[in-house]
Amino acid sequence: MQLQSLEVLRAVAAHGSITAAARALRFTQSAVSRQIAALEADTGATLFDRLPRGVALTDEGRCLLAHAEAVLDRLAAARRDLAALRDGTGGRLRVGAFPTAVAALVPRALATFRAAHPDVASSLVEGLTPGLLERLESGDADVAVVSAAPDQPLDTERYDLRHLLDEHLLVAVPRTHRLARRRTVRYAELAAEAFIAGSATAENTLLRASLPHGFEPRVDIVAAEWTGKLGCVAAGLGVALIPALAVRATPPDIALLRLHRDDTSVRRVFAATLAGRTRPTTVTRFVDLLAEVATTL
């Protein structure tokens, strides 16, 4: 049973005439007759009663027509969905991003993407880089915005990486701090300070990637979320390292100091997708938007 035969069946039923159906399909009358005859032979059913003026569906013909229309309609829907995926007007986009990337970079890109692609189902999940890469591997994310220290590169054989920006770390101190009016600071000047740490994994990674060899920070308070960490800094309970992407979330009673160029710490920020996989149009466009937004930060 060929799809073209089902299309011919539908056309003949709609027009009630082999001649009219042939004209609508731009086939010859004999070609349409052969298609109907072949379909009747294939199904072992009489599909049409031949009348003096045209044809009429039999009960068997009506039964087959219902199934034919369902098949043809489903195929048309599949073609529309495939076209939407190709041109980026349909489908889904699942984004993962590390916390400070959610402060400005990713939301701005996602808002622009949604405005341009309202029919694409988009979502955002926050997480740490190792977990985000696991989501990519398991198929739970289409693209992940991740970070890595220069001395801890990501696996380029497993992931396609689009470099978005290099993020500098700042030192957050309360406005009443002795160094608050300084523009830059050295780690050596913070040796006696208590550091406010985040979750064990995140903060250890941040500190390992940024602190000079031999510098051991004193950690008195652990605050898992950025709001809690910055609140502790504002209250004078310690200082904290703040990624530049989190600047917008910094309250006014905190001063941000740049690290001296000899102590500068940088995290590299990437848009990651799985290597060796066909990248959907939606993902390609979103990654391009991330790169555009990154140039403005």
Protein backbone atom coordinates (compact mmCIF):
# COMPACT_ATOMS: atom_id res chain seq x y z
CA MET A 1 0.00 0.00 0.00
CA GLN A 2 1.67 3.17 -1.24
CA LEU A 3 1.19 6.66 0.19
CA GLN A 4 0.42 7.96 -3.28
CA SER A 5 -2.41 5.44 -3.56
CA LEU A 6 -3.86 6.76 -0.30
CA GLU A 7 -3.65 10.31 -1.63
CA VAL A 8 -5.45 9.21 -4.79
CA LEU A 9 -8.12 7.48 -2.70
CA ARG A 10 -8.73 10.67 -0.75
CA ALA A 11 -8.89 12.79 -3.89
CA VAL A 12 -11.35 10.49 -5.67
CA ALA A 13 -13.56 10.34 -2.56
CA ALA A 14 -13.50 14.13 -2.21
CA HIS A 15 -14.37 14.81 -5.86
CA GLY A 16 -16.68 11.86 -6.41
CA SER A 17 -15.13 11.39 -9.83
CA ILE A 18 -12.01 9.78 -11.20
CA THR A 19 -11.85 12.43 -13.93
CA ALA A 20 -12.10 15.33 -11.46
CA ALA A 21 -9.59 13.72 -9.12
CA ALA A 22 -7.14 13.23 -11.99
CA ARG A 23 -7.52 16.89 -12.91
CA ALA A 24 -6.89 18.02 -9.30
CA LEU A 25 -3.89 15.74 -8.92
CA ARG A 26 -2.57 16.58 -12.39
CA PHE A 27 -2.55 12.89 -13.27
CA THR A 28 -4.04 11.19 -16.28
CA GLN A 29 -7.42 9.56 -15.78
CA SER A 30 -5.93 6.16 -16.55
CA ALA A 31 -3.20 6.68 -13.92
CA VAL A 32 -5.82 7.39 -11.26
CA SER A 33 -7.86 4.36 -12.34
CA ARG A 34 -4.77 2.14 -12.09
CA GLN A 35 -4.00 3.45 -8.59
CA ILE A 36 -7.53 2.67 -7.36
CA ALA A 37 -7.47 -0.74 -9.02
CA ALA A 38 -4.08 -1.52 -7.40
CA LEU A 39 -5.38 -0.41 -3.98
CA GLU A 40 -8.46 -2.61 -4.34
CA ALA A 41 -6.27 -5.56 -5.32
CA ASP A 42 -3.94 -4.90 -2.38
CA THR A 43 -6.77 -4.70 0.17
CA GLY A 44 -9.08 -7.24 -1.41
CA ALA A 45 -11.91 -4.72 -1.10
CA THR A 46 -14.23 -2.88 -3.46
CA LEU A 47 -13.61 0.73 -2.54
CA PHE A 48 -15.92 2.53 -4.98
CA ASP A 49 -19.15 1.78 -6.74
CA ARG A 50 -18.85 2.89 -10.35
CA LEU A 51 -21.91 4.96 -11.21
CA PRO A 52 -23.14 6.44 -14.51
CA ARG A 53 -21.90 9.80 -13.27
CA GLY A 54 -18.85 9.42 -11.09
CA VAL A 55 -18.14 7.04 -8.21
CA ALA A 56 -19.32 6.57 -4.62
CA LEU A 57 -17.49 5.07 -1.66
CA THR A 58 -18.54 1.67 -0.44
CA ASP A 59 -18.55 0.82 3.29
CA GLU A 60 -15.11 -0.72 2.81
CA GLY A 61 -13.99 2.40 1.00
CA ARG A 62 -15.18 4.62 3.85
CA CYS A 63 -13.35 2.42 6.35
CA LEU A 64 -10.09 2.62 4.45
CA LEU A 65 -10.50 6.34 3.80
CA ALA A 66 -10.67 7.06 7.53
CA HIS A 67 -7.36 5.27 8.06
CA ALA A 68 -5.84 6.86 4.96
CA GLU A 69 -6.71 10.36 6.17
CA ALA A 70 -5.22 9.62 9.59
CA VAL A 71 -1.98 8.38 8.00
CA LEU A 72 -1.73 11.30 5.57
CA ASP A 73 -2.55 13.87 8.24
CA ARG A 74 0.05 12.39 10.59
CA LEU A 75 2.64 12.44 7.83
CA ALA A 76 1.83 16.08 7.05
CA ALA A 77 2.24 16.93 10.74
CA ALA A 78 5.60 15.13 10.80
CA ARG A 79 6.76 17.16 7.81
CA ARG A 80 5.67 20.40 9.50
CA ASP A 81 7.47 19.46 12.73
CA LEU A 82 10.65 18.55 10.85
CA ALA A 83 10.53 21.83 8.94
CA ALA A 84 10.09 23.72 12.23
CA LEU A 85 13.15 21.99 13.67
CA ARG A 86 15.20 22.81 10.57
CA ASP A 87 14.31 26.49 10.56
CA GLY A 88 14.34 26.90 14.34
CA THR A 89 10.67 27.86 14.72
CA GLY A 90 9.70 24.78 16.73
CA GLY A 91 11.06 22.13 19.05
CA ARG A 92 12.63 22.75 22.43
CA LEU A 93 15.67 24.34 24.03
CA ARG A 94 16.86 23.11 27.43
CA VAL A 95 19.57 25.30 28.95
CA GLY A 96 21.74 24.68 31.99
CA ALA A 97 23.95 27.35 33.55
CA PHE A 98 26.12 27.87 36.61
CA PRO A 99 24.68 30.27 39.23
CA THR A 100 26.41 33.56 38.40
CA ALA A 101 25.81 33.07 34.68
CA VAL A 102 22.12 33.12 35.60
CA ALA A 103 22.59 36.59 37.11
CA ALA A 104 22.85 38.36 33.74
CA LEU A 105 24.38 36.50 30.81
CA VAL A 106 21.94 33.62 30.30
CA PRO A 107 18.65 35.42 31.14
CA ARG A 108 19.37 38.19 28.65
CA ALA A 109 20.18 35.73 25.89
CA LEU A 110 17.16 33.57 26.74
CA ALA A 111 14.78 36.55 26.77
CA THR A 112 15.99 37.59 23.31
CA PHE A 113 15.68 34.02 22.09
CA ARG A 114 12.12 33.66 23.37
CA ALA A 115 11.06 36.90 21.72
CA ALA A 116 12.43 35.69 18.37
CA HIS A 117 11.23 32.07 18.75
CA PRO A 118 7.93 32.13 20.68
CA ASP A 119 6.93 28.63 19.55
CA VAL A 120 10.09 26.96 20.89
CA ALA A 121 9.61 25.44 24.36
CA SER A 122 12.59 26.79 26.32
CA SER A 123 13.65 26.09 29.90
CA LEU A 124 16.54 26.93 32.21
CA VAL A 125 18.10 24.90 35.04
CA GLU A 126 20.79 26.24 37.38
CA GLY A 127 23.60 24.00 38.55
CA LEU A 128 27.32 23.59 39.01
CA THR A 129 29.57 22.82 36.07
CA PRO A 130 30.12 19.09 36.81
CA GLY A 131 26.39 18.53 37.18
CA LEU A 132 25.60 20.52 34.05
CA LEU A 133 27.99 18.42 32.01
CA GLU A 134 26.31 15.31 33.40
CA ARG A 135 22.97 16.69 32.21
CA LEU A 136 24.42 17.08 28.72
CA GLU A 137 25.69 13.50 28.79
CA SER A 138 22.35 12.10 29.96
CA GLY A 139 20.37 14.05 27.38
CA ASP A 140 18.63 16.27 29.95
CA ALA A 141 20.10 19.49 28.52
CA ASP A 142 20.76 20.75 25.00
CA VAL A 143 23.38 23.35 25.93
CA ALA A 144 25.20 24.19 29.17
CA VAL A 145 26.92 27.42 30.17
CA VAL A 146 29.89 26.26 32.22
CA SER A 147 33.12 27.62 33.65
CA ALA A 148 36.65 26.34 34.04
CA ALA A 149 39.93 27.58 35.44
CA PRO A 150 42.76 27.99 32.91
CA ASP A 151 44.69 25.17 34.60
CA GLN A 152 41.64 22.87 34.68
CA PRO A 153 40.50 22.73 31.04
CA LEU A 154 37.34 20.94 29.98
CA ASP A 155 37.44 17.81 27.84
CA THR A 156 37.32 19.01 24.23
CA GLU A 157 36.94 15.46 22.95
CA ARG A 158 33.64 15.04 24.79
CA TYR A 159 32.31 18.58 24.43
CA ASP A 160 32.14 21.25 21.75
CA LEU A 161 33.04 24.48 23.55
CA ARG A 162 32.21 28.01 22.41
CA HIS A 163 34.29 30.48 24.42
CA LEU A 164 32.03 33.27 25.65
CA LEU A 165 34.18 35.37 27.98
CA ASP A 166 36.90 35.38 30.61
CA GLU A 167 35.42 36.23 33.99
CA HIS A 168 37.57 37.99 36.58
CA LEU A 169 37.08 37.43 40.29
CA LEU A 170 36.54 40.39 42.61
CA VAL A 171 36.86 40.73 46.36
CA ALA A 172 33.70 41.73 48.21
CA VAL A 173 34.13 43.64 51.47
CA PRO A 174 31.66 45.61 53.63
CA ARG A 175 31.54 49.36 53.00
CA THR A 176 32.98 49.90 56.48
CA HIS A 177 36.01 47.72 55.78
CA ARG A 178 39.48 49.21 56.05
CA LEU A 179 40.10 48.44 52.36
CA ALA A 180 36.69 49.52 51.06
CA ARG A 181 37.99 52.72 49.44
CA ARG A 182 40.77 50.92 47.60
CA ARG A 183 40.41 50.10 43.90
CA THR A 184 42.71 47.08 43.96
CA VAL A 185 43.92 44.71 46.62
CA ARG A 186 46.56 42.00 47.02
CA TYR A 187 45.82 38.59 48.51
CA ALA A 188 48.62 39.21 51.00
CA GLU A 189 46.53 42.07 52.43
CA LEU A 190 43.70 39.63 53.10
CA ALA A 191 45.76 37.08 54.99
CA ALA A 192 44.16 37.97 58.32
CA GLU A 193 40.60 38.13 56.94
CA ALA A 194 37.90 35.51 57.38
CA PHE A 195 36.47 34.30 54.07
CA ILE A 196 32.81 33.56 53.55
CA ALA A 197 32.60 30.26 51.69
CA GLY A 198 29.79 28.76 49.65
CA SER A 199 29.05 25.08 49.24
CA ALA A 200 32.08 22.87 49.74
CA THR A 201 32.43 21.82 46.11
CA ALA A 202 31.80 25.21 44.54
CA GLU A 203 33.91 27.24 46.89
CA ASN A 204 36.81 24.83 46.99
CA THR A 205 36.95 24.87 43.21
CA LEU A 206 36.75 28.66 43.18
CA LEU A 207 39.48 29.04 45.75
CA ARG A 208 41.77 26.43 44.22
CA ALA A 209 41.53 28.18 40.88
CA SER A 210 42.20 31.64 42.23
CA LEU A 211 44.36 31.73 45.34
CA PRO A 212 48.15 31.91 45.04
CA HIS A 213 50.20 28.93 46.09
CA GLY A 214 50.58 28.74 49.84
CA PHE A 215 47.70 31.12 50.64
CA GLU A 216 45.34 29.37 53.06
CA PRO A 217 42.16 31.34 53.68
CA ARG A 218 40.44 31.14 57.04
CA VAL A 219 36.84 30.10 56.53
CA ASP A 220 34.57 30.79 59.53
CA ILE A 221 31.19 30.82 57.79
CA VAL A 222 29.73 28.68 55.02
CA ALA A 223 26.76 30.13 53.13
CA ALA A 224 25.44 28.01 50.28
CA GLU A 225 23.61 30.75 48.34
CA TRP A 226 24.97 34.02 46.97
CA THR A 227 22.36 36.06 48.83
CA GLY A 228 23.49 34.57 52.13
CA LYS A 229 27.16 34.97 51.30
CA LEU A 230 26.76 38.63 50.35
CA GLY A 231 24.58 39.21 53.41
CA CYS A 232 27.36 37.91 55.66
CA VAL A 233 29.89 40.14 53.92
CA ALA A 234 27.64 43.19 54.31
CA ALA A 235 27.29 42.42 58.03
CA GLY A 236 31.07 42.49 58.42
CA LEU A 237 31.51 38.77 59.07
CA GLY A 238 34.19 38.35 56.44
CA VAL A 239 35.14 38.88 52.81
CA ALA A 240 34.34 36.81 49.76
CA LEU A 241 35.48 36.19 46.22
CA ILE A 242 32.77 37.28 43.79
CA PRO A 243 32.70 36.40 40.09
CA ALA A 244 32.27 39.47 37.91
CA LEU A 245 29.01 38.10 36.47
CA ALA A 246 27.46 38.43 39.94
CA VAL A 247 28.11 42.17 40.16
CA ARG A 248 24.47 43.04 39.41
CA ALA A 249 23.33 41.05 42.44
CA THR A 250 25.69 42.88 44.81
CA PRO A 251 23.88 45.05 47.41
CA PRO A 252 24.92 48.70 47.85
CA ASP A 253 26.45 48.15 51.31
CA ILE A 254 29.22 46.04 49.77
CA ALA A 255 32.34 47.33 48.01
CA LEU A 256 33.93 45.32 45.21
CA LEU A 257 37.70 45.48 44.81
CA ARG A 258 39.75 44.38 41.86
CA LEU A 259 42.63 42.06 42.47
CA HIS A 260 46.09 43.37 41.66
CA ARG A 261 47.23 42.28 38.20
CA ASP A 262 49.79 39.95 39.78
CA ASP A 263 46.97 38.21 41.68
CA THR A 264 44.32 38.34 38.98
CA SER A 265 42.17 35.23 38.83
CA VAL A 266 40.17 34.35 35.73
CA ARG A 267 37.51 31.77 35.01
CA ARG A 268 36.82 30.88 31.39
CA VAL A 269 33.13 30.69 30.48
CA PHE A 270 31.90 28.43 27.68
CA ALA A 271 28.72 27.27 26.01
CA ALA A 272 29.06 23.50 25.91
CA THR A 273 27.30 20.92 23.74
CA LEU A 274 28.07 17.26 23.18
CA ALA A 275 30.80 16.64 20.64
CA GLY A 276 29.94 14.60 17.57
CA ARG A 277 26.21 15.31 17.81
CA THR A 278 24.11 17.14 15.25
CA ARG A 279 23.34 20.53 16.76
CA PRO A 280 19.72 21.67 16.38
CA THR A 281 19.12 25.07 14.79
CA THR A 282 17.65 26.34 18.06
CA VAL A 283 20.86 25.50 19.96
CA THR A 284 23.07 27.13 17.31
CA ARG A 285 21.02 30.33 17.44
CA PHE A 286 20.99 30.41 21.23
CA VAL A 287 24.76 29.93 21.45
CA ASP A 288 25.19 32.81 18.99
CA LEU A 289 22.97 34.98 21.22
CA LEU A 290 25.06 34.04 24.27
CA ALA A 291 28.18 35.18 22.42
CA GLU A 292 26.50 38.47 21.47
CA VAL A 293 25.38 39.18 25.04
CA ALA A 294 28.83 38.24 26.38
CA THR A 295 30.41 41.03 24.33
CA THR A 296 28.25 43.58 26.21
CA LEU A 297 29.13 42.44 29.73
